[in-house]
């Protein structure tokens, strides 16, 4: 059965409206993209959607109680809920430096969760 799907490309600010016709896992046609990257985005979004995830992790003994984190590469979209469960269980000790790996090879995706901020140790007065 032929299915039509419309996507809004998020690769650049233009936001092309891309129409894809497919049956099962076979893409029959793609139209509406303004550049090669838009076409690649549409194919990826239908066959293997991925996302870069941002969140926060609890910090113990730090000047702040949380540090922002993100995946260092996109992960499969269907793993987002499970990934968030793993991130929410995590707690790290200050000091935290930008780029520190918080979780390595999360869910066997090859992606790491890395800190995107610095949290120094809380100074006792």
PDB file of N, CA and C in Angstrom:
ATOM      1  N   UNK A   1       0.833  -1.174   0.000  1.00  0.00           N
ATOM      2  CA  UNK A   1       0.000   0.000   0.000  1.00  0.00           C
ATOM      3  C   UNK A   1       0.882   1.243   0.000  1.00  0.00           C
ATOM      4  N   UNK A   2       0.637   2.160  -0.902  1.00  0.00           N
ATOM      5  CA  UNK A   2       1.417   3.373  -1.040  1.00  0.00           C
ATOM      6  C   UNK A   2       1.005   4.381   0.030  1.00  0.00           C
ATOM      7  N   UNK A   3       1.993   4.890   0.748  1.00  0.00           N
ATOM      8  CA  UNK A   3       1.753   5.859   1.818  1.00  0.00           C
ATOM      9  C   UNK A   3       2.482   7.147   1.479  1.00  0.00           C
ATOM     10  N   UNK A   4       1.818   8.294   1.668  1.00  0.00           N
ATOM     11  CA  UNK A   4       2.436   9.599   1.479  1.00  0.00           C
ATOM     12  C   UNK A   4       2.667  10.223   2.843  1.00  0.00           C
ATOM     13  N   UNK A   5       3.854  10.789   3.014  1.00  0.00           N
ATOM     14  CA  UNK A   5       4.183  11.449   4.274  1.00  0.00           C
ATOM     15  C   UNK A   5       4.821  12.793   3.951  1.00  0.00           C
ATOM     16  N   UNK A   6       4.427  13.818   4.700  1.00  0.00           N
ATOM     17  CA  UNK A   6       5.003  15.145   4.531  1.00  0.00           C
ATOM     18  C   UNK A   6       5.883  15.449   5.731  1.00  0.00           C
ATOM     19  N   UNK A   7       7.106  15.890   5.459  1.00  0.00           N
ATOM     20  CA  UNK A   7       8.066  16.258   6.491  1.00  0.00           C
ATOM     21  C   UNK A   7       8.468  17.709   6.301  1.00  0.00           C
ATOM     22  N   UNK A   8       8.776  18.386   7.386  1.00  0.00           N
ATOM     23  CA  UNK A   8       9.374  19.707   7.314  1.00  0.00           C
ATOM     24  C   UNK A   8      10.855  19.511   7.626  1.00  0.00           C
ATOM     25  N   UNK A   9      11.701  19.863   6.671  1.00  0.00           N
ATOM     26  CA  UNK A   9      13.139  19.669   6.840  1.00  0.00           C
ATOM     27  C   UNK A   9      13.660  20.599   7.935  1.00  0.00           C
ATOM     28  N   UNK A  10      14.500  20.062   8.834  1.00  0.00           N
ATOM     29  CA  UNK A  10      15.069  20.842   9.931  1.00  0.00           C
ATOM     30  C   UNK A  10      16.566  21.059   9.772  1.00  0.00           C
ATOM     31  N   UNK A  11      17.107  20.731   8.620  1.00  0.00           N
ATOM     32  CA  UNK A  11      18.544  20.838   8.406  1.00  0.00           C
ATOM     33  C   UNK A  11      18.997  22.289   8.308  1.00  0.00           C
ATOM     34  N   UNK A  12      18.211  23.151   7.709  1.00  0.00           N
ATOM     35  CA  UNK A  12      18.574  24.569   7.596  1.00  0.00           C
ATOM     36  C   UNK A  12      17.342  25.422   7.880  1.00  0.00           C
ATOM     37  N   UNK A  13      17.491  26.726   7.959  1.00  0.00           N
ATOM     38  CA  UNK A  13      16.350  27.598   8.288  1.00  0.00           C
ATOM     39  C   UNK A  13      15.253  27.680   7.221  1.00  0.00           C
ATOM     40  N   UNK A  14      15.480  27.194   6.019  1.00  0.00           N
ATOM     41  CA  UNK A  14      14.472  27.293   4.958  1.00  0.00           C
ATOM     42  C   UNK A  14      13.222  26.496   5.312  1.00  0.00           C
ATOM     43  N   UNK A  15      13.373  25.315   5.864  1.00  0.00           N
ATOM     44  CA  UNK A  15      12.231  24.492   6.276  1.00  0.00           C
ATOM     45  C   UNK A  15      11.410  23.966   5.109  1.00  0.00           C
ATOM     46  N   UNK A  16      12.079  23.371   4.143  1.00  0.00           N
ATOM     47  CA  UNK A  16      11.382  22.829   2.970  1.00  0.00           C
ATOM     48  C   UNK A  16      10.332  21.802   3.392  1.00  0.00           C
ATOM     49  N   UNK A  17       9.213  21.810   2.687  1.00  0.00           N
ATOM     50  CA  UNK A  17       8.172  20.815   2.906  1.00  0.00           C
ATOM     51  C   UNK A  17       8.430  19.682   1.923  1.00  0.00           C
ATOM     52  N   UNK A  18       8.838  18.538   2.464  1.00  0.00           N
ATOM     53  CA  UNK A  18       9.241  17.401   1.643  1.00  0.00           C
ATOM     54  C   UNK A  18       8.143  16.349   1.673  1.00  0.00           C
ATOM     55  N   UNK A  19       7.758  15.880   0.498  1.00  0.00           N
ATOM     56  CA  UNK A  19       6.753  14.828   0.401  1.00  0.00           C
ATOM     57  C   UNK A  19       7.434  13.538  -0.033  1.00  0.00           C
ATOM     58  N   UNK A  20       7.155  12.483   0.709  1.00  0.00           N
ATOM     59  CA  UNK A  20       7.753  11.175   0.434  1.00  0.00           C
ATOM     60  C   UNK A  20       6.631  10.177   0.196  1.00  0.00           C
ATOM     61  N   UNK A  21       6.753   9.419  -0.866  1.00  0.00           N
ATOM     62  CA  UNK A  21       5.835   8.311  -1.136  1.00  0.00           C
ATOM     63  C   UNK A  21       6.609   7.018  -0.922  1.00  0.00           C
ATOM     64  N   UNK A  22       6.001   6.112  -0.172  1.00  0.00           N
ATOM     65  CA  UNK A  22       6.679   4.840   0.105  1.00  0.00           C
ATOM     66  C   UNK A  22       5.666   3.734   0.278  1.00  0.00           C
ATOM     67  N   UNK A  23       6.161   2.510   0.094  1.00  0.00           N
ATOM     68  CA  UNK A  23       5.390   1.325   0.450  1.00  0.00           C
ATOM     69  C   UNK A  23       6.315   0.431   1.261  1.00  0.00           C
ATOM     70  N   UNK A  24       5.832   0.012   2.407  1.00  0.00           N
ATOM     71  CA  UNK A  24       6.634  -0.752   3.363  1.00  0.00           C
ATOM     72  C   UNK A  24       7.925   0.015   3.663  1.00  0.00           C
ATOM     73  N   UNK A  25       9.078  -0.599   3.424  1.00  0.00           N
ATOM     74  CA  UNK A  25      10.359   0.064   3.681  1.00  0.00           C
ATOM     75  C   UNK A  25      11.003   0.604   2.421  1.00  0.00           C
ATOM     76  N   UNK A  26      10.263   0.668   1.320  1.00  0.00           N
ATOM     77  CA  UNK A  26      10.804   1.160   0.052  1.00  0.00           C
ATOM     78  C   UNK A  26      10.291   2.557  -0.236  1.00  0.00           C
ATOM     79  N   UNK A  27      11.219   3.487  -0.413  1.00  0.00           N
ATOM     80  CA  UNK A  27      10.853   4.845  -0.786  1.00  0.00           C
ATOM     81  C   UNK A  27      10.699   4.883  -2.297  1.00  0.00           C
ATOM     82  N   UNK A  28       9.529   5.315  -2.756  1.00  0.00           N
ATOM     83  CA  UNK A  28       9.235   5.371  -4.196  1.00  0.00           C
ATOM     84  C   UNK A  28       9.581   6.724  -4.806  1.00  0.00           C
ATOM     85  N   UNK A  29       9.321   7.818  -4.064  1.00  0.00           N
ATOM     86  CA  UNK A  29       9.646   9.147  -4.588  1.00  0.00           C
ATOM     87  C   UNK A  29       9.804  10.140  -3.445  1.00  0.00           C
ATOM     88  N   UNK A  30      10.624  11.156  -3.694  1.00  0.00           N
ATOM     89  CA  UNK A  30      10.836  12.244  -2.739  1.00  0.00           C
ATOM     90  C   UNK A  30      10.778  13.540  -3.542  1.00  0.00           C
ATOM     91  N   UNK A  31       9.983  14.500  -3.059  1.00  0.00           N
ATOM     92  CA  UNK A  31       9.901  15.783  -3.749  1.00  0.00           C
ATOM     93  C   UNK A  31       9.782  16.916  -2.738  1.00  0.00           C
ATOM     94  N   UNK A  32      10.105  18.117  -3.184  1.00  0.00           N
ATOM     95  CA  UNK A  32       9.958  19.300  -2.348  1.00  0.00           C
ATOM     96  C   UNK A  32      11.215  19.738  -1.629  1.00  0.00           C
ATOM     97  N   UNK A  33      12.271  18.968  -1.678  1.00  0.00           N
ATOM     98  CA  UNK A  33      13.511  19.351  -1.007  1.00  0.00           C
ATOM     99  C   UNK A  33      14.266  20.369  -1.863  1.00  0.00           C
ATOM    100  N   UNK A  34      14.956  21.283  -1.182  1.00  0.00           N
ATOM    101  CA  UNK A  34      15.677  22.335  -1.892  1.00  0.00           C
ATOM    102  C   UNK A  34      17.151  22.048  -2.090  1.00  0.00           C
ATOM    103  N   UNK A  35      17.643  21.019  -1.425  1.00  0.00           N
ATOM    104  CA  UNK A  35      19.073  20.701  -1.555  1.00  0.00           C
ATOM    105  C   UNK A  35      19.285  19.208  -1.263  1.00  0.00           C
ATOM    106  N   UNK A  36      20.485  18.750  -1.527  1.00  0.00           N
ATOM    107  CA  UNK A  36      20.845  17.346  -1.312  1.00  0.00           C
ATOM    108  C   UNK A  36      20.682  16.948   0.162  1.00  0.00           C
ATOM    109  N   UNK A  37      21.026  17.869   1.069  1.00  0.00           N
ATOM    110  CA  UNK A  37      20.910  17.554   2.498  1.00  0.00           C
ATOM    111  C   UNK A  37      19.459  17.328   2.904  1.00  0.00           C
ATOM    112  N   UNK A  38      18.538  18.043   2.273  1.00  0.00           N
ATOM    113  CA  UNK A  38      17.114  17.854   2.564  1.00  0.00           C
ATOM    114  C   UNK A  38      16.641  16.479   2.147  1.00  0.00           C
ATOM    115  N   UNK A  39      17.098  16.029   0.996  1.00  0.00           N
ATOM    116  CA  UNK A  39      16.739  14.686   0.527  1.00  0.00           C
ATOM    117  C   UNK A  39      17.312  13.632   1.472  1.00  0.00           C
ATOM    118  N   UNK A  40      18.566  13.802   1.893  1.00  0.00           N
ATOM    119  CA  UNK A  40      19.194  12.855   2.822  1.00  0.00           C
ATOM    120  C   UNK A  40      18.459  12.840   4.161  1.00  0.00           C
ATOM    121  N   UNK A  41      18.033  14.015   4.622  1.00  0.00           N
ATOM    122  CA  UNK A  41      17.273  14.110   5.873  1.00  0.00           C
ATOM    123  C   UNK A  41      15.979  13.300   5.770  1.00  0.00           C
ATOM    124  N   UNK A  42      15.253  13.472   4.679  1.00  0.00           N
ATOM    125  CA  UNK A  42      13.970  12.768   4.505  1.00  0.00           C
ATOM    126  C   UNK A  42      14.176  11.259   4.514  1.00  0.00           C
ATOM    127  N   UNK A  43      15.179  10.786   3.815  1.00  0.00           N
ATOM    128  CA  UNK A  43      15.463   9.345   3.776  1.00  0.00           C
ATOM    129  C   UNK A  43      15.792   8.841   5.180  1.00  0.00           C
ATOM    130  N   UNK A  44      16.677   9.547   5.865  1.00  0.00           N
ATOM    131  CA  UNK A  44      17.069   9.151   7.218  1.00  0.00           C
ATOM    132  C   UNK A  44      15.884   9.179   8.173  1.00  0.00           C
ATOM    133  N   UNK A  45      15.064  10.212   8.075  1.00  0.00           N
ATOM    134  CA  UNK A  45      13.933  10.368   8.990  1.00  0.00           C
ATOM    135  C   UNK A  45      12.913   9.242   8.821  1.00  0.00           C
ATOM    136  N   UNK A  46      12.780   8.726   7.629  1.00  0.00           N
ATOM    137  CA  UNK A  46      11.818   7.638   7.406  1.00  0.00           C
ATOM    138  C   UNK A  46      12.400   6.264   7.703  1.00  0.00           C
ATOM    139  N   UNK A  47      13.649   6.050   7.362  1.00  0.00           N
ATOM    140  CA  UNK A  47      14.218   4.710   7.499  1.00  0.00           C
ATOM    141  C   UNK A  47      14.947   4.483   8.817  1.00  0.00           C
ATOM    142  N   UNK A  48      15.562   5.541   9.363  1.00  0.00           N
ATOM    143  CA  UNK A  48      16.329   5.389  10.595  1.00  0.00           C
ATOM    144  C   UNK A  48      16.387   6.727  11.331  1.00  0.00           C
ATOM    145  N   UNK A  49      15.276   7.176  11.928  1.00  0.00           N
ATOM    146  CA  UNK A  49      15.281   8.479  12.593  1.00  0.00           C
ATOM    147  C   UNK A  49      16.185   8.484  13.823  1.00  0.00           C
ATOM    148  N   UNK A  50      16.989   9.530  13.947  1.00  0.00           N
ATOM    149  CA  UNK A  50      17.906   9.680  15.075  1.00  0.00           C
ATOM    150  C   UNK A  50      17.757  11.087  15.652  1.00  0.00           C
ATOM    151  N   UNK A  51      18.160  11.242  16.914  1.00  0.00           N
ATOM    152  CA  UNK A  51      18.113  12.529  17.589  1.00  0.00           C
ATOM    153  C   UNK A  51      19.324  12.694  18.500  1.00  0.00           C
ATOM    154  N   UNK A  52      19.785  13.932  18.629  1.00  0.00           N
ATOM    155  CA  UNK A  52      20.739  14.294  19.661  1.00  0.00           C
ATOM    156  C   UNK A  52      19.912  14.715  20.864  1.00  0.00           C
ATOM    157  N   UNK A  53      20.219  14.169  22.026  1.00  0.00           N
ATOM    158  CA  UNK A  53      19.409  14.380  23.220  1.00  0.00           C
ATOM    159  C   UNK A  53      20.142  15.281  24.206  1.00  0.00           C
ATOM    160  N   UNK A  54      19.418  16.234  24.782  1.00  0.00           N
ATOM    161  CA  UNK A  54      19.968  17.083  25.836  1.00  0.00           C
ATOM    162  C   UNK A  54      19.140  16.889  27.099  1.00  0.00           C
ATOM    163  N   UNK A  55      19.799  17.000  28.246  1.00  0.00           N
ATOM    164  CA  UNK A  55      19.115  16.846  29.524  1.00  0.00           C
ATOM    165  C   UNK A  55      20.009  17.426  30.614  1.00  0.00           C
ATOM    166  N   UNK A  56      19.758  17.028  31.850  1.00  0.00           N
ATOM    167  CA  UNK A  56      20.614  17.401  32.978  1.00  0.00           C
ATOM    168  C   UNK A  56      20.850  16.170  33.843  1.00  0.00           C
ATOM    169  N   UNK A  57      21.958  16.213  34.578  1.00  0.00           N
ATOM    170  CA  UNK A  57      22.321  15.136  35.508  1.00  0.00           C
ATOM    171  C   UNK A  57      22.604  15.772  36.864  1.00  0.00           C
ATOM    172  N   UNK A  58      22.187  15.098  37.925  1.00  0.00           N
ATOM    173  CA  UNK A  58      22.421  15.565  39.291  1.00  0.00           C
ATOM    174  C   UNK A  58      23.911  15.564  39.611  1.00  0.00           C
ATOM    175  N   UNK A  59      24.352  16.633  40.303  1.00  0.00           N
ATOM    176  CA  UNK A  59      25.753  16.760  40.723  1.00  0.00           C
ATOM    177  C   UNK A  59      25.796  16.786  42.246  1.00  0.00           C
ATOM    178  N   UNK A  60      26.650  15.937  42.805  1.00  0.00           N
ATOM    179  CA  UNK A  60      26.858  15.899  44.252  1.00  0.00           C
ATOM    180  C   UNK A  60      28.021  16.819  44.625  1.00  0.00           C
ATOM    181  N   UNK A  61      27.840  17.598  45.692  1.00  0.00           N
ATOM    182  CA  UNK A  61      28.881  18.466  46.254  1.00  0.00           C
ATOM    183  C   UNK A  61      29.361  19.536  45.275  1.00  0.00           C
ATOM    184  N   UNK A  62      28.479  19.983  44.411  1.00  0.00           N
ATOM    185  CA  UNK A  62      28.852  21.016  43.443  1.00  0.00           C
ATOM    186  C   UNK A  62      28.214  22.349  43.764  1.00  0.00           C
ATOM    187  N   UNK A  63      28.736  23.408  43.136  1.00  0.00           N
ATOM    188  CA  UNK A  63      28.154  24.740  43.313  1.00  0.00           C
ATOM    189  C   UNK A  63      26.737  24.803  42.750  1.00  0.00           C
ATOM    190  N   UNK A  64      26.425  23.919  41.823  1.00  0.00           N
ATOM    191  CA  UNK A  64      25.071  23.786  41.289  1.00  0.00           C
ATOM    192  C   UNK A  64      24.658  22.329  41.442  1.00  0.00           C
ATOM    193  N   UNK A  65      23.351  22.093  41.511  1.00  0.00           N
ATOM    194  CA  UNK A  65      22.856  20.744  41.760  1.00  0.00           C
ATOM    195  C   UNK A  65      22.739  19.890  40.505  1.00  0.00           C
ATOM    196  N   UNK A  66      22.768  20.511  39.326  1.00  0.00           N
ATOM    197  CA  UNK A  66      22.687  19.763  38.071  1.00  0.00           C
ATOM    198  C   UNK A  66      23.684  20.330  37.073  1.00  0.00           C
ATOM    199  N   UNK A  67      24.037  19.494  36.112  1.00  0.00           N
ATOM    200  CA  UNK A  67      24.892  19.912  35.005  1.00  0.00           C
ATOM    201  C   UNK A  67      24.176  19.552  33.702  1.00  0.00           C
ATOM    202  N   UNK A  68      24.231  20.448  32.696  1.00  0.00           N
ATOM    203  CA  UNK A  68      23.635  20.085  31.412  1.00  0.00           C
ATOM    204  C   UNK A  68      24.479  19.018  30.720  1.00  0.00           C
ATOM    205  N   UNK A  69      23.799  18.098  30.045  1.00  0.00           N
ATOM    206  CA  UNK A  69      24.476  17.015  29.318  1.00  0.00           C
ATOM    207  C   UNK A  69      23.819  16.833  27.959  1.00  0.00           C
ATOM    208  N   UNK A  70      24.514  16.126  27.067  1.00  0.00           N
ATOM    209  CA  UNK A  70      23.952  15.782  25.762  1.00  0.00           C
ATOM    210  C   UNK A  70      24.644  14.549  25.227  1.00  0.00           C
ATOM    211  N   UNK A  71      24.011  13.929  24.236  1.00  0.00           N
ATOM    212  CA  UNK A  71      24.666  12.829  23.549  1.00  0.00           C
ATOM    213  C   UNK A  71      25.724  13.423  22.623  1.00  0.00           C
ATOM    214  N   UNK A  72      26.848  12.745  22.489  1.00  0.00           N
ATOM    215  CA  UNK A  72      27.904  13.265  21.612  1.00  0.00           C
ATOM    216  C   UNK A  72      27.685  12.888  20.154  1.00  0.00           C
ATOM    217  N   UNK A  73      26.637  12.113  19.902  1.00  0.00           N
ATOM    218  CA  UNK A  73      26.198  11.837  18.534  1.00  0.00           C
ATOM    219  C   UNK A  73      24.739  11.404  18.603  1.00  0.00           C
ATOM    220  N   UNK A  74      24.025  11.498  17.505  1.00  0.00           N
ATOM    221  CA  UNK A  74      22.608  11.123  17.535  1.00  0.00           C
ATOM    222  C   UNK A  74      22.413   9.645  17.854  1.00  0.00           C
ATOM    223  N   UNK A  75      21.284   9.363  18.519  1.00  0.00           N
ATOM    224  CA  UNK A  75      20.909   7.976  18.823  1.00  0.00           C
ATOM    225  C   UNK A  75      19.580   7.668  18.144  1.00  0.00           C
ATOM    226  N   UNK A  76      19.263   6.384  17.938  1.00  0.00           N
ATOM    227  CA  UNK A  76      17.973   6.034  17.339  1.00  0.00           C
ATOM    228  C   UNK A  76      16.810   6.601  18.151  1.00  0.00           C
ATOM    229  N   UNK A  77      15.862   7.173  17.466  1.00  0.00           N
ATOM    230  CA  UNK A  77      14.717   7.831  18.099  1.00  0.00           C
ATOM    231  C   UNK A  77      13.938   6.898  19.021  1.00  0.00           C
ATOM    232  N   UNK A  78      13.822   5.635  18.656  1.00  0.00           N
ATOM    233  CA  UNK A  78      13.043   4.707  19.480  1.00  0.00           C
ATOM    234  C   UNK A  78      13.683   4.419  20.839  1.00  0.00           C
ATOM    235  N   UNK A  79      14.942   4.836  21.048  1.00  0.00           N
ATOM    236  CA  UNK A  79      15.631   4.603  22.320  1.00  0.00           C
ATOM    237  C   UNK A  79      15.556   5.795  23.280  1.00  0.00           C
ATOM    238  N   UNK A  80      14.900   6.880  22.878  1.00  0.00           N
ATOM    239  CA  UNK A  80      14.907   8.099  23.693  1.00  0.00           C
ATOM    240  C   UNK A  80      14.346   7.863  25.093  1.00  0.00           C
ATOM    241  N   UNK A  81      13.222   7.206  25.222  1.00  0.00           N
ATOM    242  CA  UNK A  81      12.613   6.985  26.540  1.00  0.00           C
ATOM    243  C   UNK A  81      13.545   6.179  27.442  1.00  0.00           C
ATOM    244  N   UNK A  82      14.130   5.122  26.899  1.00  0.00           N
ATOM    245  CA  UNK A  82      15.053   4.298  27.686  1.00  0.00           C
ATOM    246  C   UNK A  82      16.310   5.095  28.053  1.00  0.00           C
ATOM    247  N   UNK A  83      16.799   5.910  27.133  1.00  0.00           N
ATOM    248  CA  UNK A  83      17.960   6.751  27.410  1.00  0.00           C
ATOM    249  C   UNK A  83      17.660   7.720  28.555  1.00  0.00           C
ATOM    250  N   UNK A  84      16.489   8.332  28.539  1.00  0.00           N
ATOM    251  CA  UNK A  84      16.134   9.272  29.602  1.00  0.00           C
ATOM    252  C   UNK A  84      16.050   8.577  30.955  1.00  0.00           C
ATOM    253  N   UNK A  85      15.602   7.341  30.982  1.00  0.00           N
ATOM    254  CA  UNK A  85      15.593   6.580  32.243  1.00  0.00           C
ATOM    255  C   UNK A  85      17.018   6.425  32.781  1.00  0.00           C
ATOM    256  N   UNK A  86      17.960   6.124  31.891  1.00  0.00           N
ATOM    257  CA  UNK A  86      19.362   5.967  32.293  1.00  0.00           C
ATOM    258  C   UNK A  86      19.944   7.293  32.792  1.00  0.00           C
ATOM    259  N   UNK A  87      19.674   8.364  32.073  1.00  0.00           N
ATOM    260  CA  UNK A  87      20.173   9.680  32.485  1.00  0.00           C
ATOM    261  C   UNK A  87      19.582  10.058  33.844  1.00  0.00           C
ATOM    262  N   UNK A  88      18.298   9.804  34.045  1.00  0.00           N
ATOM    263  CA  UNK A  88      17.641  10.185  35.302  1.00  0.00           C
ATOM    264  C   UNK A  88      18.158   9.397  36.503  1.00  0.00           C
ATOM    265  N   UNK A  89      18.727   8.219  36.281  1.00  0.00           N
ATOM    266  CA  UNK A  89      19.305   7.425  37.372  1.00  0.00           C
ATOM    267  C   UNK A  89      20.707   7.908  37.732  1.00  0.00           C
ATOM    268  N   UNK A  90      21.299   8.713  36.882  1.00  0.00           N
ATOM    269  CA  UNK A  90      22.699   9.079  37.007  1.00  0.00           C
ATOM    270  C   UNK A  90      22.909  10.241  37.982  1.00  0.00           C
ATOM    271  N   UNK A  91      24.009  10.178  38.709  1.00  0.00           N
ATOM    272  CA  UNK A  91      24.441  11.249  39.605  1.00  0.00           C
ATOM    273  C   UNK A  91      25.965  11.261  39.566  1.00  0.00           C
ATOM    274  N   UNK A  92      26.571  12.433  39.470  1.00  0.00           N
ATOM    275  CA  UNK A  92      28.038  12.497  39.402  1.00  0.00           C
ATOM    276  C   UNK A  92      28.571  13.441  40.467  1.00  0.00           C
ATOM    277  N   UNK A  93      29.826  13.265  40.788  1.00  0.00           N
ATOM    278  CA  UNK A  93      30.517  14.030  41.824  1.00  0.00           C
ATOM    279  C   UNK A  93      31.205  15.235  41.199  1.00  0.00           C
ATOM    280  N   UNK A  94      31.077  16.395  41.837  1.00  0.00           N
ATOM    281  CA  UNK A  94      31.815  17.587  41.405  1.00  0.00           C
ATOM    282  C   UNK A  94      33.293  17.387  41.744  1.00  0.00           C
ATOM    283  N   UNK A  95      34.203  17.962  41.015  1.00  0.00           N
ATOM    284  CA  UNK A  95      33.992  18.923  39.937  1.00  0.00           C
ATOM    285  C   UNK A  95      33.639  18.218  38.619  1.00  0.00           C
ATOM    286  N   UNK A  96      32.868  18.931  37.801  1.00  0.00           N
ATOM    287  CA  UNK A  96      32.511  18.436  36.476  1.00  0.00           C
ATOM    288  C   UNK A  96      33.027  19.456  35.471  1.00  0.00           C
ATOM    289  N   UNK A  97      33.661  18.956  34.419  1.00  0.00           N
ATOM    290  CA  UNK A  97      34.185  19.837  33.373  1.00  0.00           C
ATOM    291  C   UNK A  97      33.493  19.548  32.049  1.00  0.00           C
ATOM    292  N   UNK A  98      33.287  20.605  31.281  1.00  0.00           N
ATOM    293  CA  UNK A  98      32.683  20.469  29.964  1.00  0.00           C
ATOM    294  C   UNK A  98      33.451  19.415  29.169  1.00  0.00           C
ATOM    295  N   UNK A  99      32.727  18.476  28.591  1.00  0.00           N
ATOM    296  CA  UNK A  99      33.343  17.400  27.817  1.00  0.00           C
ATOM    297  C   UNK A  99      33.548  16.114  28.598  1.00  0.00           C
ATOM    298  N   UNK A 100      33.419  16.177  29.940  1.00  0.00           N
ATOM    299  CA  UNK A 100      33.536  14.951  30.738  1.00  0.00           C
ATOM    300  C   UNK A 100      32.471  13.947  30.283  1.00  0.00           C
ATOM    301  N   UNK A 101      32.868  12.688  30.195  1.00  0.00           N
ATOM    302  CA  UNK A 101      31.910  11.631  29.856  1.00  0.00           C
ATOM    303  C   UNK A 101      31.174  11.233  31.130  1.00  0.00           C
ATOM    304  N   UNK A 102      29.858  11.358  31.085  1.00  0.00           N
ATOM    305  CA  UNK A 102      29.005  11.028  32.220  1.00  0.00           C
ATOM    306  C   UNK A 102      28.549   9.574  32.126  1.00  0.00           C
ATOM    307  N   UNK A 103      28.144   9.139  30.946  1.00  0.00           N
ATOM    308  CA  UNK A 103      27.776   7.748  30.667  1.00  0.00           C
ATOM    309  C   UNK A 103      28.448   7.359  29.346  1.00  0.00           C
ATOM    310  N   UNK A 104      29.156   6.247  29.355  1.00  0.00           N
ATOM    311  CA  UNK A 104      29.873   5.812  28.159  1.00  0.00           C
ATOM    312  C   UNK A 104      29.069   4.763  27.397  1.00  0.00           C
ATOM    313  N   UNK A 105      29.083   4.863  26.074  1.00  0.00           N
ATOM    314  CA  UNK A 105      28.415   3.902  25.188  1.00  0.00           C
ATOM    315  C   UNK A 105      27.012   3.563  25.687  1.00  0.00           C
ATOM    316  N   UNK A 106      26.232   4.590  25.891  1.00  0.00           N
ATOM    317  CA  UNK A 106      24.904   4.433  26.471  1.00  0.00           C
ATOM    318  C   UNK A 106      24.027   3.547  25.582  1.00  0.00           C
ATOM    319  N   UNK A 107      23.399   2.561  26.211  1.00  0.00           N
ATOM    320  CA  UNK A 107      22.515   1.597  25.543  1.00  0.00           C
ATOM    321  C   UNK A 107      23.173   0.918  24.343  1.00  0.00           C
ATOM    322  N   UNK A 108      24.481   0.767  24.408  1.00  0.00           N
ATOM    323  CA  UNK A 108      25.263   0.132  23.330  1.00  0.00           C
ATOM    324  C   UNK A 108      25.064   0.810  21.978  1.00  0.00           C
ATOM    325  N   UNK A 109      24.879   2.132  21.981  1.00  0.00           N
ATOM    326  CA  UNK A 109      24.688   2.880  20.739  1.00  0.00           C
ATOM    327  C   UNK A 109      25.992   3.437  20.188  1.00  0.00           C
ATOM    328  N   UNK A 110      27.048   3.397  21.002  1.00  0.00           N
ATOM    329  CA  UNK A 110      28.303   4.045  20.612  1.00  0.00           C
ATOM    330  C   UNK A 110      28.326   5.510  21.004  1.00  0.00           C
ATOM    331  N   UNK A 111      27.210   6.021  21.490  1.00  0.00           N
ATOM    332  CA  UNK A 111      27.122   7.426  21.916  1.00  0.00           C
ATOM    333  C   UNK A 111      27.443   7.529  23.405  1.00  0.00           C
ATOM    334  N   UNK A 112      28.096   8.613  23.762  1.00  0.00           N
ATOM    335  CA  UNK A 112      28.370   8.927  25.159  1.00  0.00           C
ATOM    336  C   UNK A 112      27.486  10.091  25.581  1.00  0.00           C
ATOM    337  N   UNK A 113      27.178  10.145  26.875  1.00  0.00           N
ATOM    338  CA  UNK A 113      26.531  11.318  27.449  1.00  0.00           C
ATOM    339  C   UNK A 113      27.662  12.165  28.014  1.00  0.00           C
ATOM    340  N   UNK A 114      27.768  13.409  27.535  1.00  0.00           N
ATOM    341  CA  UNK A 114      28.863  14.279  27.976  1.00  0.00           C
ATOM    342  C   UNK A 114      28.316  15.532  28.644  1.00  0.00           C
ATOM    343  N   UNK A 115      29.100  16.062  29.586  1.00  0.00           N
ATOM    344  CA  UNK A 115      28.747  17.315  30.246  1.00  0.00           C
ATOM    345  C   UNK A 115      28.947  18.467  29.270  1.00  0.00           C
ATOM    346  N   UNK A 116      28.034  19.426  29.288  1.00  0.00           N
ATOM    347  CA  UNK A 116      28.170  20.596  28.425  1.00  0.00           C
ATOM    348  C   UNK A 116      28.344  21.867  29.247  1.00  0.00           C
ATOM    349  N   UNK A 117      28.681  21.683  30.513  1.00  0.00           N
ATOM    350  CA  UNK A 117      28.947  22.819  31.391  1.00  0.00           C
ATOM    351  C   UNK A 117      29.955  22.433  32.453  1.00  0.00           C
ATOM    352  N   UNK A 118      30.408  23.425  33.194  1.00  0.00           N
ATOM    353  CA  UNK A 118      31.364  23.218  34.276  1.00  0.00           C
ATOM    354  C   UNK A 118      30.664  23.428  35.614  1.00  0.00           C
ATOM    355  N   UNK A 119      30.902  22.522  36.545  1.00  0.00           N
ATOM    356  CA  UNK A 119      30.372  22.659  37.907  1.00  0.00           C
ATOM    357  C   UNK A 119      31.534  22.463  38.887  1.00  0.00           C
ATOM    358  N   UNK A 120      31.995  23.560  39.508  1.00  0.00           N
ATOM    359  CA  UNK A 120      33.067  23.420  40.488  1.00  0.00           C
ATOM    360  C   UNK A 120      32.548  22.820  41.795  1.00  0.00           C
ATOM    361  N   UNK A 121      33.470  22.378  42.626  1.00  0.00           N
ATOM    362  CA  UNK A 121      33.137  21.845  43.952  1.00  0.00           C
ATOM    363  C   UNK A 121      32.615  22.983  44.803  1.00  0.00           C
ATOM    364  N   UNK A 122      31.579  22.711  45.589  1.00  0.00           N
ATOM    365  CA  UNK A 122      31.010  23.695  46.502  1.00  0.00           C
ATOM    366  C   UNK A 122      32.053  24.027  47.552  1.00  0.00           C
ATOM    367  N   UNK A 123      32.366  25.301  47.703  1.00  0.00           N
ATOM    368  CA  UNK A 123      33.349  25.749  48.690  1.00  0.00           C
ATOM    369  C   UNK A 123      32.650  25.991  50.025  1.00  0.00           C
ATOM    370  N   UNK A 124      33.136  25.344  51.061  1.00  0.00           N
ATOM    371  CA  UNK A 124      32.584  25.526  52.398  1.00  0.00           C
ATOM    372  C   UNK A 124      33.116  26.836  52.974  1.00  0.00           C
ATOM    373  N   UNK A 125      32.224  27.606  53.592  1.00  0.00           N
ATOM    374  CA  UNK A 125      32.632  28.904  54.156  1.00  0.00           C
ATOM    375  C   UNK A 125      33.010  28.788  55.594  1.00  0.00           C
TER     376      UNK A 125
END
